[in-house]
N, C-alpha and C. Protein backbone atom coordinates (compact mmCIF):
# COMPACT_ATOMS: atom_id res chain seq x y z
N MET A 1 22.94 5.65 6.22
CA MET A 1 24.24 5.02 6.05
C MET A 1 24.73 5.23 4.62
N MET A 2 26.05 4.97 4.43
CA MET A 2 26.67 5.29 3.15
C MET A 2 26.00 4.58 1.99
N TYR A 3 25.64 3.30 2.14
CA TYR A 3 25.04 2.53 1.05
C TYR A 3 23.73 3.16 0.58
N SER A 4 22.90 3.60 1.52
CA SER A 4 21.62 4.22 1.18
C SER A 4 21.84 5.53 0.44
N ARG A 5 22.85 6.31 0.88
CA ARG A 5 23.13 7.59 0.22
C ARG A 5 23.60 7.38 -1.21
N VAL A 6 24.42 6.36 -1.40
CA VAL A 6 24.90 6.05 -2.76
C VAL A 6 23.74 5.68 -3.67
N ARG A 7 22.83 4.87 -3.17
CA ARG A 7 21.66 4.47 -3.96
C ARG A 7 20.81 5.66 -4.31
N THR A 8 20.64 6.58 -3.36
CA THR A 8 19.83 7.77 -3.59
C THR A 8 20.45 8.64 -4.68
N LEU A 9 21.76 8.86 -4.60
CA LEU A 9 22.45 9.65 -5.61
C LEU A 9 22.36 8.99 -6.98
N CYS A 10 22.49 7.68 -7.00
CA CYS A 10 22.42 6.93 -8.25
C CYS A 10 21.04 7.08 -8.88
N PHE A 11 20.02 6.98 -8.05
CA PHE A 11 18.64 7.10 -8.53
C PHE A 11 18.38 8.49 -9.10
N LEU A 12 18.82 9.53 -8.38
CA LEU A 12 18.61 10.90 -8.84
C LEU A 12 19.36 11.16 -10.14
N PHE A 13 20.57 10.64 -10.25
CA PHE A 13 21.34 10.81 -11.48
C PHE A 13 20.61 10.19 -12.66
N ALA A 14 20.07 8.99 -12.44
CA ALA A 14 19.35 8.31 -13.52
C ALA A 14 18.12 9.09 -13.94
N LEU A 15 17.41 9.67 -12.98
CA LEU A 15 16.22 10.45 -13.31
C LEU A 15 16.56 11.68 -14.13
N LEU A 16 17.66 12.33 -13.76
CA LEU A 16 18.02 13.58 -14.41
C LEU A 16 18.71 13.38 -15.76
N ILE A 17 19.52 12.35 -15.85
CA ILE A 17 20.36 12.19 -17.03
C ILE A 17 19.80 11.19 -18.02
N ILE A 18 19.25 10.08 -17.51
CA ILE A 18 18.79 9.01 -18.40
C ILE A 18 17.37 8.62 -18.02
N PRO A 19 16.36 9.35 -18.50
CA PRO A 19 15.00 9.06 -18.14
C PRO A 19 14.64 7.60 -18.42
N GLY A 20 13.96 6.97 -17.44
CA GLY A 20 13.49 5.61 -17.62
C GLY A 20 14.53 4.55 -17.30
N LEU A 21 15.78 4.98 -17.00
CA LEU A 21 16.82 4.00 -16.70
C LEU A 21 17.26 4.17 -15.25
N TYR A 22 17.13 3.12 -14.45
CA TYR A 22 17.48 3.20 -13.04
C TYR A 22 18.64 2.26 -12.75
N CYS A 23 19.50 2.67 -11.82
CA CYS A 23 20.64 1.84 -11.47
C CYS A 23 20.35 0.94 -10.29
N GLN A 24 19.17 1.03 -9.70
CA GLN A 24 18.86 0.16 -8.58
C GLN A 24 18.84 -1.31 -9.02
N TYR A 25 19.24 -2.18 -8.10
CA TYR A 25 19.27 -3.62 -8.31
C TYR A 25 20.32 -4.04 -9.34
N SER A 26 21.28 -3.21 -9.64
CA SER A 26 22.31 -3.57 -10.61
C SER A 26 23.31 -4.51 -9.97
N GLU A 27 24.08 -5.19 -10.81
CA GLU A 27 25.02 -6.21 -10.33
C GLU A 27 26.03 -5.65 -9.34
N SER A 28 26.39 -4.39 -9.50
CA SER A 28 27.38 -3.78 -8.62
C SER A 28 26.90 -3.70 -7.17
N GLU A 29 25.59 -3.81 -6.95
CA GLU A 29 25.04 -3.72 -5.60
C GLU A 29 24.79 -5.07 -4.95
N TRP A 30 25.00 -6.15 -5.68
CA TRP A 30 24.56 -7.45 -5.20
C TRP A 30 25.30 -7.91 -3.95
N LYS A 31 26.60 -7.64 -3.84
CA LYS A 31 27.34 -8.07 -2.67
C LYS A 31 26.80 -7.38 -1.42
N ALA A 32 26.46 -6.11 -1.54
CA ALA A 32 25.89 -5.39 -0.40
C ALA A 32 24.53 -5.97 -0.04
N ARG A 33 23.75 -6.34 -1.05
CA ARG A 33 22.43 -6.91 -0.81
C ARG A 33 22.51 -8.27 -0.13
N ASP A 34 23.55 -9.03 -0.42
CA ASP A 34 23.73 -10.33 0.22
C ASP A 34 23.83 -10.21 1.74
N LYS A 35 24.23 -9.06 2.23
CA LYS A 35 24.42 -8.88 3.67
C LYS A 35 23.10 -8.78 4.43
N TRP A 36 22.03 -8.30 3.73
CA TRP A 36 20.78 -8.10 4.46
C TRP A 36 19.60 -8.90 3.92
N MET A 37 19.70 -9.47 2.74
CA MET A 37 18.61 -10.28 2.22
C MET A 37 18.88 -11.75 2.52
N LYS A 38 17.93 -12.37 3.21
CA LYS A 38 18.09 -13.76 3.64
C LYS A 38 17.65 -14.71 2.53
N VAL A 39 18.50 -14.82 1.52
CA VAL A 39 18.16 -15.54 0.30
C VAL A 39 17.84 -17.01 0.58
N THR A 40 18.70 -17.68 1.31
CA THR A 40 18.47 -19.11 1.59
C THR A 40 17.18 -19.31 2.37
N ASP A 41 16.91 -18.44 3.34
CA ASP A 41 15.67 -18.53 4.11
C ASP A 41 14.46 -18.39 3.19
N ILE A 42 14.54 -17.48 2.24
CA ILE A 42 13.44 -17.26 1.30
C ILE A 42 13.18 -18.52 0.48
N PHE A 43 14.25 -19.12 -0.03
CA PHE A 43 14.11 -20.34 -0.82
C PHE A 43 13.51 -21.47 0.01
N GLU A 44 13.94 -21.58 1.25
CA GLU A 44 13.42 -22.63 2.12
C GLU A 44 11.95 -22.39 2.45
N ILE A 45 11.58 -21.16 2.71
CA ILE A 45 10.18 -20.83 3.00
C ILE A 45 9.30 -21.17 1.81
N ALA A 46 9.81 -20.95 0.60
CA ALA A 46 9.06 -21.23 -0.62
C ALA A 46 9.04 -22.72 -0.97
N GLY A 47 9.83 -23.51 -0.29
CA GLY A 47 9.89 -24.94 -0.58
C GLY A 47 10.65 -25.27 -1.84
N ILE A 48 11.58 -24.41 -2.23
CA ILE A 48 12.38 -24.63 -3.44
C ILE A 48 13.47 -25.66 -3.14
N GLN A 49 13.65 -26.59 -4.07
CA GLN A 49 14.62 -27.66 -3.89
C GLN A 49 15.44 -27.83 -5.17
N ALA A 50 16.45 -28.67 -5.08
CA ALA A 50 17.21 -29.02 -6.28
C ALA A 50 16.26 -29.60 -7.31
N GLY A 51 16.34 -29.10 -8.53
CA GLY A 51 15.49 -29.59 -9.61
C GLY A 51 14.17 -28.85 -9.76
N SER A 52 13.90 -27.89 -8.88
CA SER A 52 12.65 -27.12 -9.00
C SER A 52 12.66 -26.25 -10.25
N GLU A 53 11.46 -25.99 -10.75
CA GLU A 53 11.27 -25.03 -11.84
C GLU A 53 10.60 -23.80 -11.25
N VAL A 54 11.30 -22.67 -11.31
CA VAL A 54 10.90 -21.48 -10.56
C VAL A 54 10.83 -20.27 -11.48
N ALA A 55 9.79 -19.47 -11.31
CA ALA A 55 9.68 -18.22 -12.05
C ALA A 55 10.03 -17.06 -11.13
N ASP A 56 10.92 -16.20 -11.61
CA ASP A 56 11.29 -14.98 -10.89
C ASP A 56 10.61 -13.83 -11.64
N VAL A 57 9.42 -13.45 -11.16
CA VAL A 57 8.59 -12.49 -11.87
C VAL A 57 8.94 -11.07 -11.40
N GLY A 58 9.39 -10.25 -12.33
CA GLY A 58 9.91 -8.93 -11.99
C GLY A 58 11.36 -9.07 -11.55
N CYS A 59 12.15 -9.71 -12.39
CA CYS A 59 13.51 -10.13 -12.00
C CYS A 59 14.54 -9.02 -12.05
N HIS A 60 14.23 -7.88 -12.66
CA HIS A 60 15.22 -6.82 -12.86
C HIS A 60 16.46 -7.39 -13.56
N GLN A 61 17.65 -7.15 -13.03
CA GLN A 61 18.87 -7.64 -13.68
C GLN A 61 19.28 -9.03 -13.19
N GLY A 62 18.46 -9.63 -12.31
CA GLY A 62 18.68 -11.03 -12.02
C GLY A 62 19.32 -11.39 -10.70
N TYR A 63 19.28 -10.50 -9.72
CA TYR A 63 19.88 -10.83 -8.43
C TYR A 63 19.35 -12.17 -7.90
N MET A 64 18.03 -12.30 -7.83
CA MET A 64 17.46 -13.53 -7.30
C MET A 64 17.60 -14.69 -8.29
N SER A 65 17.47 -14.41 -9.57
CA SER A 65 17.57 -15.46 -10.59
C SER A 65 18.92 -16.16 -10.57
N ILE A 66 19.98 -15.40 -10.45
CA ILE A 66 21.32 -15.98 -10.42
C ILE A 66 21.48 -16.89 -9.20
N ARG A 67 20.99 -16.44 -8.07
CA ARG A 67 21.09 -17.25 -6.85
C ARG A 67 20.18 -18.47 -6.91
N LEU A 68 19.02 -18.31 -7.50
CA LEU A 68 18.11 -19.43 -7.72
C LEU A 68 18.77 -20.50 -8.58
N ALA A 69 19.39 -20.07 -9.67
CA ALA A 69 19.99 -21.00 -10.62
C ALA A 69 21.03 -21.89 -9.95
N LYS A 70 21.82 -21.31 -9.05
CA LYS A 70 22.83 -22.09 -8.33
C LYS A 70 22.17 -23.00 -7.29
N TYR A 71 21.11 -22.52 -6.65
CA TYR A 71 20.46 -23.27 -5.58
C TYR A 71 19.75 -24.52 -6.09
N ILE A 72 19.09 -24.41 -7.25
CA ILE A 72 18.32 -25.54 -7.77
C ILE A 72 19.18 -26.49 -8.62
N GLY A 73 20.34 -26.04 -9.05
CA GLY A 73 21.24 -26.90 -9.80
C GLY A 73 20.86 -27.07 -11.26
N ASP A 74 21.66 -27.85 -11.96
CA ASP A 74 21.48 -28.02 -13.40
C ASP A 74 20.20 -28.74 -13.77
N THR A 75 19.62 -29.49 -12.86
CA THR A 75 18.38 -30.21 -13.15
C THR A 75 17.15 -29.31 -12.99
N GLY A 76 17.34 -28.12 -12.44
CA GLY A 76 16.24 -27.17 -12.27
C GLY A 76 16.23 -26.12 -13.37
N LYS A 77 15.24 -25.26 -13.32
CA LYS A 77 15.10 -24.23 -14.36
C LYS A 77 14.56 -22.96 -13.73
N VAL A 78 15.16 -21.83 -14.11
CA VAL A 78 14.68 -20.52 -13.67
C VAL A 78 14.11 -19.78 -14.87
N TYR A 79 12.88 -19.32 -14.73
CA TYR A 79 12.25 -18.49 -15.75
C TYR A 79 12.25 -17.05 -15.23
N SER A 80 13.10 -16.23 -15.82
CA SER A 80 13.28 -14.86 -15.35
C SER A 80 12.45 -13.92 -16.21
N VAL A 81 11.47 -13.28 -15.56
CA VAL A 81 10.49 -12.48 -16.28
C VAL A 81 10.65 -11.00 -15.93
N ASP A 82 10.68 -10.17 -16.95
CA ASP A 82 10.65 -8.72 -16.72
C ASP A 82 10.00 -8.06 -17.94
N VAL A 83 9.55 -6.82 -17.76
CA VAL A 83 8.91 -6.11 -18.86
C VAL A 83 9.90 -5.24 -19.63
N ARG A 84 11.16 -5.23 -19.17
CA ARG A 84 12.17 -4.43 -19.85
C ARG A 84 13.24 -5.33 -20.45
N GLU A 85 13.40 -5.22 -21.75
CA GLU A 85 14.34 -6.08 -22.47
C GLU A 85 15.78 -5.78 -22.08
N ASP A 86 16.10 -4.52 -21.76
CA ASP A 86 17.48 -4.20 -21.39
C ASP A 86 17.90 -4.92 -20.11
N ARG A 87 16.97 -5.07 -19.18
CA ARG A 87 17.28 -5.81 -17.96
C ARG A 87 17.56 -7.28 -18.27
N LEU A 88 16.73 -7.85 -19.12
CA LEU A 88 16.90 -9.25 -19.48
C LEU A 88 18.20 -9.47 -20.25
N ASN A 89 18.56 -8.54 -21.10
CA ASN A 89 19.83 -8.63 -21.82
C ASN A 89 21.00 -8.62 -20.84
N LYS A 90 20.91 -7.76 -19.84
CA LYS A 90 21.97 -7.68 -18.84
C LYS A 90 22.04 -8.99 -18.06
N LEU A 91 20.88 -9.55 -17.70
CA LEU A 91 20.85 -10.83 -16.99
C LEU A 91 21.49 -11.93 -17.83
N ASN A 92 21.16 -11.98 -19.10
CA ASN A 92 21.77 -12.99 -19.98
C ASN A 92 23.28 -12.84 -20.03
N ASP A 93 23.75 -11.60 -20.06
CA ASP A 93 25.20 -11.36 -20.07
C ASP A 93 25.84 -11.85 -18.78
N ILE A 94 25.20 -11.58 -17.66
CA ILE A 94 25.74 -11.99 -16.36
C ILE A 94 25.77 -13.52 -16.27
N ALA A 95 24.68 -14.16 -16.69
CA ALA A 95 24.61 -15.62 -16.64
C ALA A 95 25.68 -16.25 -17.52
N THR A 96 25.89 -15.70 -18.71
CA THR A 96 26.93 -16.21 -19.61
C THR A 96 28.31 -16.05 -18.99
N LYS A 97 28.55 -14.88 -18.41
CA LYS A 97 29.85 -14.60 -17.80
C LYS A 97 30.14 -15.55 -16.64
N ARG A 98 29.09 -15.96 -15.93
CA ARG A 98 29.26 -16.82 -14.76
C ARG A 98 29.09 -18.31 -15.10
N GLY A 99 28.86 -18.60 -16.36
CA GLY A 99 28.74 -19.99 -16.78
C GLY A 99 27.46 -20.66 -16.30
N ILE A 100 26.39 -19.90 -16.20
CA ILE A 100 25.10 -20.42 -15.74
C ILE A 100 24.20 -20.67 -16.96
N GLY A 101 23.71 -21.92 -17.07
CA GLY A 101 22.94 -22.25 -18.27
C GLY A 101 21.49 -22.65 -18.03
N ASN A 102 21.01 -22.54 -16.79
CA ASN A 102 19.64 -22.99 -16.51
C ASN A 102 18.67 -21.82 -16.26
N ILE A 103 18.96 -20.68 -16.88
CA ILE A 103 18.07 -19.53 -16.81
C ILE A 103 17.49 -19.25 -18.19
N GLN A 104 16.18 -19.09 -18.26
CA GLN A 104 15.51 -18.67 -19.50
C GLN A 104 14.83 -17.34 -19.24
N THR A 105 15.21 -16.32 -19.98
CA THR A 105 14.60 -15.01 -19.80
C THR A 105 13.34 -14.90 -20.65
N ILE A 106 12.34 -14.19 -20.09
CA ILE A 106 11.05 -14.02 -20.77
C ILE A 106 10.65 -12.56 -20.69
N LEU A 107 10.39 -11.96 -21.83
CA LEU A 107 9.90 -10.59 -21.88
C LEU A 107 8.38 -10.62 -21.69
N GLY A 108 7.94 -10.23 -20.50
CA GLY A 108 6.51 -10.28 -20.19
C GLY A 108 5.80 -8.98 -20.51
N ASP A 109 4.49 -9.02 -20.39
CA ASP A 109 3.67 -7.82 -20.48
C ASP A 109 3.35 -7.35 -19.07
N TYR A 110 2.81 -6.15 -18.97
CA TYR A 110 2.50 -5.60 -17.65
C TYR A 110 1.37 -6.37 -16.96
N ASP A 111 0.59 -7.13 -17.72
CA ASP A 111 -0.48 -7.92 -17.10
C ASP A 111 -0.29 -9.43 -17.30
N ASP A 112 0.85 -9.83 -17.87
CA ASP A 112 1.03 -11.24 -18.19
C ASP A 112 2.52 -11.61 -18.20
N PRO A 113 2.95 -12.47 -17.28
CA PRO A 113 4.36 -12.89 -17.29
C PRO A 113 4.68 -13.88 -18.41
N LYS A 114 3.70 -14.32 -19.15
CA LYS A 114 3.89 -15.19 -20.32
C LYS A 114 4.59 -16.51 -19.96
N LEU A 115 4.12 -17.11 -18.91
CA LEU A 115 4.61 -18.42 -18.51
C LEU A 115 3.69 -19.50 -19.05
N LYS A 116 4.24 -20.64 -19.41
CA LYS A 116 3.43 -21.74 -19.93
C LYS A 116 2.56 -22.32 -18.82
N GLU A 117 1.41 -22.85 -19.19
CA GLU A 117 0.50 -23.44 -18.22
C GLU A 117 1.15 -24.65 -17.53
N HIS A 118 0.93 -24.74 -16.23
CA HIS A 118 1.39 -25.87 -15.41
C HIS A 118 2.88 -26.17 -15.60
N SER A 119 3.66 -25.11 -15.64
CA SER A 119 5.09 -25.28 -15.95
C SER A 119 6.01 -25.05 -14.76
N ILE A 120 5.51 -24.45 -13.68
CA ILE A 120 6.42 -24.07 -12.60
C ILE A 120 5.96 -24.61 -11.24
N ASP A 121 6.97 -24.89 -10.42
CA ASP A 121 6.71 -25.33 -9.05
C ASP A 121 6.48 -24.15 -8.12
N VAL A 122 7.23 -23.07 -8.36
CA VAL A 122 7.16 -21.89 -7.50
C VAL A 122 7.26 -20.63 -8.34
N ALA A 123 6.47 -19.64 -7.99
CA ALA A 123 6.61 -18.30 -8.57
C ALA A 123 7.04 -17.35 -7.46
N LEU A 124 8.06 -16.57 -7.71
CA LEU A 124 8.54 -15.57 -6.76
C LEU A 124 8.24 -14.17 -7.31
N ILE A 125 7.70 -13.32 -6.46
CA ILE A 125 7.56 -11.90 -6.78
C ILE A 125 8.26 -11.14 -5.67
N ILE A 126 9.47 -10.68 -5.96
CA ILE A 126 10.34 -10.08 -4.95
C ILE A 126 10.39 -8.56 -5.14
N ASP A 127 9.82 -7.82 -4.20
CA ASP A 127 9.84 -6.36 -4.23
C ASP A 127 9.34 -5.82 -5.56
N ALA A 128 8.32 -6.46 -6.11
CA ALA A 128 7.77 -6.02 -7.40
C ALA A 128 6.24 -5.96 -7.38
N TYR A 129 5.62 -6.65 -6.43
CA TYR A 129 4.16 -6.70 -6.41
C TYR A 129 3.56 -5.31 -6.29
N HIS A 130 4.17 -4.44 -5.49
CA HIS A 130 3.61 -3.10 -5.28
C HIS A 130 3.62 -2.26 -6.56
N GLU A 131 4.43 -2.66 -7.53
CA GLU A 131 4.49 -1.93 -8.81
C GLU A 131 3.47 -2.44 -9.82
N MET A 132 2.81 -3.56 -9.52
CA MET A 132 1.94 -4.22 -10.49
C MET A 132 0.52 -3.66 -10.43
N LYS A 133 0.22 -2.74 -11.34
CA LYS A 133 -1.12 -2.16 -11.38
C LYS A 133 -2.16 -3.19 -11.83
N ASP A 134 -1.74 -4.12 -12.67
CA ASP A 134 -2.65 -5.16 -13.17
C ASP A 134 -2.47 -6.45 -12.38
N TYR A 135 -2.34 -6.32 -11.06
CA TYR A 135 -2.03 -7.48 -10.24
C TYR A 135 -3.10 -8.56 -10.32
N LYS A 136 -4.36 -8.19 -10.50
CA LYS A 136 -5.43 -9.20 -10.57
C LYS A 136 -5.22 -10.13 -11.76
N GLN A 137 -4.90 -9.57 -12.92
CA GLN A 137 -4.68 -10.38 -14.11
C GLN A 137 -3.38 -11.16 -14.00
N ILE A 138 -2.37 -10.54 -13.40
CA ILE A 138 -1.10 -11.23 -13.21
C ILE A 138 -1.29 -12.46 -12.33
N LEU A 139 -2.05 -12.32 -11.25
CA LEU A 139 -2.29 -13.45 -10.36
C LEU A 139 -3.05 -14.56 -11.07
N LEU A 140 -3.99 -14.20 -11.90
CA LEU A 140 -4.72 -15.22 -12.67
C LEU A 140 -3.78 -15.97 -13.61
N ASN A 141 -2.87 -15.25 -14.24
CA ASN A 141 -1.91 -15.90 -15.14
C ASN A 141 -0.90 -16.76 -14.39
N ILE A 142 -0.52 -16.33 -13.20
CA ILE A 142 0.39 -17.15 -12.39
C ILE A 142 -0.32 -18.42 -11.94
N LYS A 143 -1.59 -18.31 -11.59
CA LYS A 143 -2.36 -19.51 -11.23
C LYS A 143 -2.31 -20.55 -12.34
N LYS A 144 -2.47 -20.10 -13.58
CA LYS A 144 -2.45 -21.01 -14.72
C LYS A 144 -1.06 -21.64 -14.90
N ALA A 145 -0.02 -20.88 -14.56
CA ALA A 145 1.34 -21.36 -14.79
C ALA A 145 1.81 -22.34 -13.72
N LEU A 146 1.19 -22.31 -12.55
CA LEU A 146 1.62 -23.19 -11.46
C LEU A 146 1.19 -24.63 -11.70
N LYS A 147 2.04 -25.55 -11.29
CA LYS A 147 1.66 -26.95 -11.26
C LYS A 147 0.61 -27.14 -10.15
N PRO A 148 -0.11 -28.26 -10.13
CA PRO A 148 -1.19 -28.44 -9.14
C PRO A 148 -0.76 -28.23 -7.70
N ASP A 149 0.47 -28.57 -7.36
CA ASP A 149 0.95 -28.37 -5.99
C ASP A 149 1.91 -27.19 -5.89
N GLY A 150 1.79 -26.26 -6.84
CA GLY A 150 2.70 -25.12 -6.89
C GLY A 150 2.44 -24.08 -5.82
N ARG A 151 3.41 -23.18 -5.67
CA ARG A 151 3.35 -22.16 -4.63
C ARG A 151 3.75 -20.80 -5.18
N LEU A 152 3.16 -19.77 -4.61
CA LEU A 152 3.51 -18.39 -4.94
C LEU A 152 4.06 -17.72 -3.69
N LEU A 153 5.26 -17.15 -3.81
CA LEU A 153 5.86 -16.39 -2.71
C LEU A 153 5.95 -14.92 -3.10
N VAL A 154 5.42 -14.08 -2.24
CA VAL A 154 5.52 -12.62 -2.43
C VAL A 154 6.34 -12.05 -1.28
N LEU A 155 7.35 -11.29 -1.62
CA LEU A 155 8.18 -10.61 -0.62
C LEU A 155 8.15 -9.12 -0.90
N GLU A 156 7.91 -8.35 0.15
CA GLU A 156 7.87 -6.89 0.03
C GLU A 156 8.48 -6.27 1.28
N LYS A 157 8.62 -4.97 1.22
CA LYS A 157 9.02 -4.19 2.39
C LYS A 157 7.86 -3.28 2.79
N LEU A 158 7.63 -3.13 4.09
CA LEU A 158 6.60 -2.21 4.58
C LEU A 158 7.29 -1.08 5.32
N LYS A 159 7.16 0.11 4.77
CA LYS A 159 7.76 1.28 5.41
C LYS A 159 6.92 1.69 6.62
N HIS A 160 7.58 1.89 7.73
CA HIS A 160 6.88 2.15 8.99
C HIS A 160 5.93 3.34 8.89
N LYS A 161 6.37 4.39 8.22
CA LYS A 161 5.54 5.60 8.14
C LYS A 161 4.29 5.41 7.28
N MET A 162 4.22 4.30 6.52
CA MET A 162 3.07 4.05 5.66
C MET A 162 2.08 3.05 6.26
N ILE A 163 2.37 2.55 7.44
CA ILE A 163 1.45 1.63 8.11
C ILE A 163 0.11 2.33 8.34
N GLY A 164 -0.99 1.67 7.97
CA GLY A 164 -2.32 2.23 8.15
C GLY A 164 -2.79 3.12 7.01
N LYS A 165 -1.91 3.39 6.04
CA LYS A 165 -2.30 4.20 4.89
C LYS A 165 -3.09 3.35 3.88
N SER A 166 -3.73 4.01 2.93
CA SER A 166 -4.48 3.29 1.91
C SER A 166 -3.54 2.54 0.98
N ARG A 167 -4.09 1.61 0.24
CA ARG A 167 -3.27 0.86 -0.71
C ARG A 167 -2.60 1.79 -1.71
N GLN A 168 -3.34 2.75 -2.23
CA GLN A 168 -2.79 3.68 -3.21
C GLN A 168 -1.65 4.50 -2.61
N GLU A 169 -1.85 4.98 -1.39
CA GLU A 169 -0.79 5.76 -0.74
C GLU A 169 0.46 4.92 -0.54
N GLN A 170 0.28 3.67 -0.16
CA GLN A 170 1.43 2.80 0.05
C GLN A 170 2.17 2.53 -1.26
N THR A 171 1.46 2.16 -2.30
CA THR A 171 2.15 1.82 -3.55
C THR A 171 2.83 3.03 -4.18
N LEU A 172 2.27 4.20 -4.00
CA LEU A 172 2.94 5.41 -4.49
C LEU A 172 4.25 5.64 -3.75
N ALA A 173 4.34 5.12 -2.53
CA ALA A 173 5.57 5.22 -1.74
C ALA A 173 6.44 3.98 -1.92
N HIS A 174 6.12 3.15 -2.90
CA HIS A 174 6.89 1.94 -3.22
C HIS A 174 6.95 0.98 -2.02
N THR A 175 5.78 0.71 -1.47
CA THR A 175 5.66 -0.22 -0.37
C THR A 175 4.24 -0.78 -0.37
N ILE A 176 4.02 -1.83 0.42
CA ILE A 176 2.67 -2.37 0.55
C ILE A 176 2.63 -3.28 1.78
N SER A 177 1.48 -3.32 2.43
CA SER A 177 1.34 -4.14 3.63
C SER A 177 0.93 -5.56 3.27
N PRO A 178 1.29 -6.53 4.10
CA PRO A 178 0.90 -7.92 3.81
C PRO A 178 -0.60 -8.13 3.86
N GLU A 179 -1.31 -7.32 4.62
CA GLU A 179 -2.76 -7.49 4.71
C GLU A 179 -3.44 -7.24 3.38
N PHE A 180 -3.01 -6.22 2.66
CA PHE A 180 -3.57 -5.96 1.33
C PHE A 180 -3.31 -7.13 0.40
N VAL A 181 -2.08 -7.61 0.40
CA VAL A 181 -1.69 -8.69 -0.52
C VAL A 181 -2.40 -9.99 -0.16
N LYS A 182 -2.49 -10.29 1.11
CA LYS A 182 -3.19 -11.51 1.53
C LYS A 182 -4.64 -11.48 1.07
N SER A 183 -5.29 -10.35 1.22
CA SER A 183 -6.69 -10.22 0.79
C SER A 183 -6.81 -10.40 -0.72
N GLU A 184 -5.88 -9.84 -1.47
CA GLU A 184 -5.93 -9.92 -2.93
C GLU A 184 -5.65 -11.34 -3.42
N LEU A 185 -4.74 -12.03 -2.77
CA LEU A 185 -4.46 -13.41 -3.15
C LEU A 185 -5.67 -14.30 -2.84
N THR A 186 -6.29 -14.07 -1.71
CA THR A 186 -7.48 -14.85 -1.36
C THR A 186 -8.59 -14.61 -2.38
N GLU A 187 -8.76 -13.36 -2.78
CA GLU A 187 -9.77 -13.03 -3.79
C GLU A 187 -9.46 -13.70 -5.12
N ALA A 188 -8.19 -13.87 -5.42
CA ALA A 188 -7.77 -14.50 -6.68
C ALA A 188 -7.85 -16.02 -6.63
N GLY A 189 -8.21 -16.58 -5.48
CA GLY A 189 -8.38 -18.03 -5.38
C GLY A 189 -7.24 -18.77 -4.72
N PHE A 190 -6.26 -18.04 -4.16
CA PHE A 190 -5.16 -18.68 -3.45
C PHE A 190 -5.52 -18.86 -1.96
N THR A 191 -4.79 -19.74 -1.31
CA THR A 191 -4.86 -19.89 0.13
C THR A 191 -3.49 -19.55 0.71
N VAL A 192 -3.43 -18.57 1.59
CA VAL A 192 -2.16 -18.18 2.19
C VAL A 192 -1.83 -19.14 3.32
N THR A 193 -0.66 -19.78 3.22
CA THR A 193 -0.25 -20.78 4.22
C THR A 193 0.84 -20.29 5.14
N ILE A 194 1.62 -19.30 4.69
CA ILE A 194 2.71 -18.76 5.51
C ILE A 194 2.68 -17.24 5.41
N LEU A 195 2.78 -16.58 6.54
CA LEU A 195 2.93 -15.13 6.57
C LEU A 195 3.96 -14.79 7.63
N GLU A 196 5.12 -14.36 7.18
CA GLU A 196 6.23 -13.99 8.06
C GLU A 196 6.42 -12.48 7.93
N LYS A 197 6.13 -11.76 9.02
CA LYS A 197 6.14 -10.30 8.96
C LYS A 197 7.48 -9.67 9.31
N ASP A 198 8.45 -10.47 9.65
CA ASP A 198 9.75 -9.91 10.04
C ASP A 198 10.87 -10.78 9.49
N LEU A 199 11.36 -10.42 8.32
CA LEU A 199 12.48 -11.14 7.71
C LEU A 199 13.67 -10.20 7.57
N GLY A 200 13.79 -9.30 8.53
CA GLY A 200 14.89 -8.35 8.50
C GLY A 200 14.47 -7.00 7.94
N TYR A 201 15.46 -6.20 7.55
CA TYR A 201 15.21 -4.84 7.07
C TYR A 201 15.81 -4.63 5.69
N TRP A 202 15.02 -4.04 4.81
CA TRP A 202 15.48 -3.75 3.45
C TRP A 202 16.58 -2.70 3.51
N GLU A 203 17.71 -3.02 2.91
CA GLU A 203 18.88 -2.14 2.91
C GLU A 203 19.33 -1.79 4.32
N GLU A 204 18.99 -2.67 5.28
CA GLU A 204 19.36 -2.47 6.69
C GLU A 204 18.76 -1.19 7.26
N ASP A 205 17.65 -0.76 6.67
CA ASP A 205 16.96 0.45 7.12
C ASP A 205 15.81 0.03 8.04
N PRO A 206 15.85 0.38 9.33
CA PRO A 206 14.80 -0.05 10.26
C PRO A 206 13.42 0.50 9.94
N ASP A 207 13.32 1.42 9.00
CA ASP A 207 12.02 1.93 8.56
C ASP A 207 11.38 1.00 7.52
N LYS A 208 12.14 0.02 7.01
CA LYS A 208 11.65 -0.83 5.92
C LYS A 208 11.72 -2.30 6.32
N LYS A 209 10.69 -2.77 6.98
CA LYS A 209 10.69 -4.16 7.44
C LYS A 209 10.26 -5.09 6.29
N ILE A 210 11.01 -6.16 6.12
CA ILE A 210 10.72 -7.13 5.06
C ILE A 210 9.70 -8.14 5.57
N TRP A 211 8.69 -8.40 4.74
CA TRP A 211 7.73 -9.46 5.05
C TRP A 211 7.60 -10.39 3.85
N VAL A 212 7.13 -11.60 4.11
CA VAL A 212 7.00 -12.58 3.05
C VAL A 212 5.77 -13.45 3.33
N LEU A 213 5.07 -13.82 2.26
CA LEU A 213 3.98 -14.77 2.41
C LEU A 213 4.05 -15.80 1.30
N VAL A 214 3.49 -16.96 1.58
CA VAL A 214 3.42 -18.04 0.61
C VAL A 214 1.95 -18.43 0.46
N ALA A 215 1.53 -18.61 -0.79
CA ALA A 215 0.14 -18.99 -1.08
C ALA A 215 0.14 -20.19 -2.00
N VAL A 216 -0.89 -21.02 -1.85
CA VAL A 216 -1.05 -22.22 -2.68
C VAL A 216 -2.44 -22.22 -3.29
N LEU A 217 -2.62 -23.10 -4.26
CA LEU A 217 -3.94 -23.29 -4.84
C LEU A 217 -4.73 -24.30 -4.01
N PRO A 218 -6.03 -24.12 -3.86
CA PRO A 218 -6.83 -25.04 -3.06
C PRO A 218 -6.73 -26.47 -3.59
């Protein structure tokens, strides 16, 4: 479809012209993303409420952070974490332009989101877990950042052609299965309480089924 072709051209242009800079997840695409990403359902599955303190780990330019900020209201707080300062600068600009004041951006490391201990009710990792090579250390740091009754929600897409492939093959294709993630979270000391394998299709592409899981501390 046209939207997918535009994204592909945008990605190729970025690779050829501006190494290291990608146009995916930019603000110009957010309205299109609203049509296929079930944002409210995701927040409800995670148990996010007005006044919650939520970390958006791997926030890019802030698609989820902006929507989180409105959902939780002025009494809540969004901690938007990314490893690229340019993305965080763009998010700050968008939040200022929209009059949103309950977002705090954090420049994290590749193995540490740099969240304060026992500071958050929910951590979200949206379409970013498959990129995290140091996921074991990241999960340990998120455990420390969660409040005693806190929750971690991971959302990813599983490409149909990568089903049954190894973890490395999947992540190289920018995808990952829920079975790998569930096993890794269990190993890290979490208990998975929700696993929803069908939350629609990423970019409305039937080859990319969205799944989501929620994990808690014992």
